[in-house]
Protein backbone atom coordinates (compact mmCIF):
# COMPACT_ATOMS: atom_id res chain seq x y z
CA MET A 1 18.68 95.55 -44.55
CA HIS A 2 14.98 95.38 -45.38
CA PRO A 3 13.27 97.97 -47.60
CA ILE A 4 11.20 100.63 -45.86
CA GLN A 5 7.74 101.12 -47.31
CA TYR A 6 6.21 104.59 -47.42
CA GLN A 7 2.43 104.35 -46.96
CA PRO A 8 1.07 107.91 -47.30
CA GLU A 9 -2.55 106.74 -47.27
CA ARG A 10 -1.96 105.41 -43.73
CA GLN A 11 0.52 108.16 -42.76
CA ARG A 12 3.32 105.82 -41.86
CA PHE A 13 6.61 104.22 -42.79
CA VAL A 14 6.77 100.43 -42.39
CA LEU A 15 9.57 97.93 -42.13
CA VAL A 16 8.51 94.27 -42.42
CA VAL A 17 10.89 91.77 -40.83
CA ASP A 18 10.09 88.10 -40.30
CA GLY A 19 6.46 88.82 -41.18
CA GLN A 20 6.08 91.50 -38.49
CA GLU A 21 5.71 95.25 -38.95
CA ALA A 22 7.78 97.95 -37.31
CA LEU A 23 6.18 101.39 -37.75
CA LEU A 24 6.87 105.10 -37.80
CA GLU A 25 3.60 107.03 -37.84
CA TYR A 26 3.24 110.70 -38.66
CA ARG A 27 0.74 113.48 -39.24
CA MET A 28 1.05 116.53 -41.41
CA LEU A 29 0.56 119.73 -39.41
CA ALA A 30 0.86 121.88 -42.54
CA PRO A 31 1.77 121.17 -46.15
CA ASP A 32 5.46 121.47 -45.21
CA VAL A 33 5.49 120.39 -41.54
CA ILE A 34 5.60 116.71 -40.57
CA ASP A 35 5.18 115.48 -37.00
CA PHE A 36 6.43 111.98 -36.23
CA VAL A 37 4.02 110.86 -33.53
CA HIS A 38 4.69 107.18 -32.84
CA THR A 39 7.24 104.43 -33.32
CA PHE A 40 6.52 100.77 -32.71
CA VAL A 41 8.74 97.71 -32.98
CA PRO A 42 7.34 94.29 -32.00
CA ALA A 43 9.07 92.76 -28.97
CA ALA A 44 10.59 89.95 -31.05
CA LEU A 45 12.32 92.50 -33.30
CA ARG A 46 13.64 94.93 -30.69
CA GLY A 47 17.33 95.56 -30.30
CA ARG A 48 18.06 95.43 -34.04
CA GLY A 49 18.02 99.18 -34.68
CA LEU A 50 14.79 99.07 -36.67
CA ALA A 51 13.26 102.15 -35.02
CA ALA A 52 16.42 104.12 -35.83
CA GLN A 53 16.26 102.96 -39.46
CA LEU A 54 12.63 104.06 -39.71
CA VAL A 55 13.29 107.46 -38.17
CA ALA A 56 16.35 108.06 -40.35
CA ALA A 57 14.30 107.22 -43.46
CA GLY A 58 11.36 109.37 -42.39
CA VAL A 59 13.53 112.36 -41.58
CA ALA A 60 15.47 111.99 -44.85
CA PHE A 61 12.18 111.77 -46.77
CA ALA A 62 10.95 114.99 -45.13
CA ARG A 63 14.20 116.89 -45.58
CA GLU A 64 14.39 115.94 -49.26
CA ARG A 65 11.09 117.79 -49.63
CA GLY A 66 12.20 120.78 -47.55
CA TRP A 67 9.72 120.01 -44.78
CA ARG A 68 10.13 121.02 -41.16
CA VAL A 69 10.39 117.98 -38.87
CA ILE A 70 8.81 117.70 -35.42
CA GLY A 71 9.19 114.71 -33.12
CA SER A 72 6.20 114.39 -30.77
CA CYS A 73 7.22 110.77 -30.22
CA GLY A 74 9.80 110.60 -27.43
CA TYR A 75 12.01 108.23 -29.41
CA VAL A 76 11.99 110.53 -32.45
CA ALA A 77 12.69 113.60 -30.31
CA ALA A 78 15.71 111.87 -28.73
CA TRP A 79 16.92 110.68 -32.14
CA LEU A 80 16.69 114.21 -33.53
CA GLU A 81 18.68 115.60 -30.61
CA ARG A 82 21.45 113.04 -31.15
CA LYS A 83 21.62 113.20 -34.94
CA CYS A 84 20.68 116.74 -35.91
């Protein structure tokens, strides 16, 4: 498993695999409300569960801080329905 990088200055979580970036982007709606707005996995990396890893890490990060989580991204919304 590859380490997930938290990049607050770019409002995203990144997973680099084989030199390519998979992303989970977010925006803060309030100091304690995070909205995950976009996931992206390059075509060559799809089918490996990378988007799920990113979302799990992002949601865990938010929950550790007591933040409310919103999934505007369709993938994130579906993940939240299945896992939460």
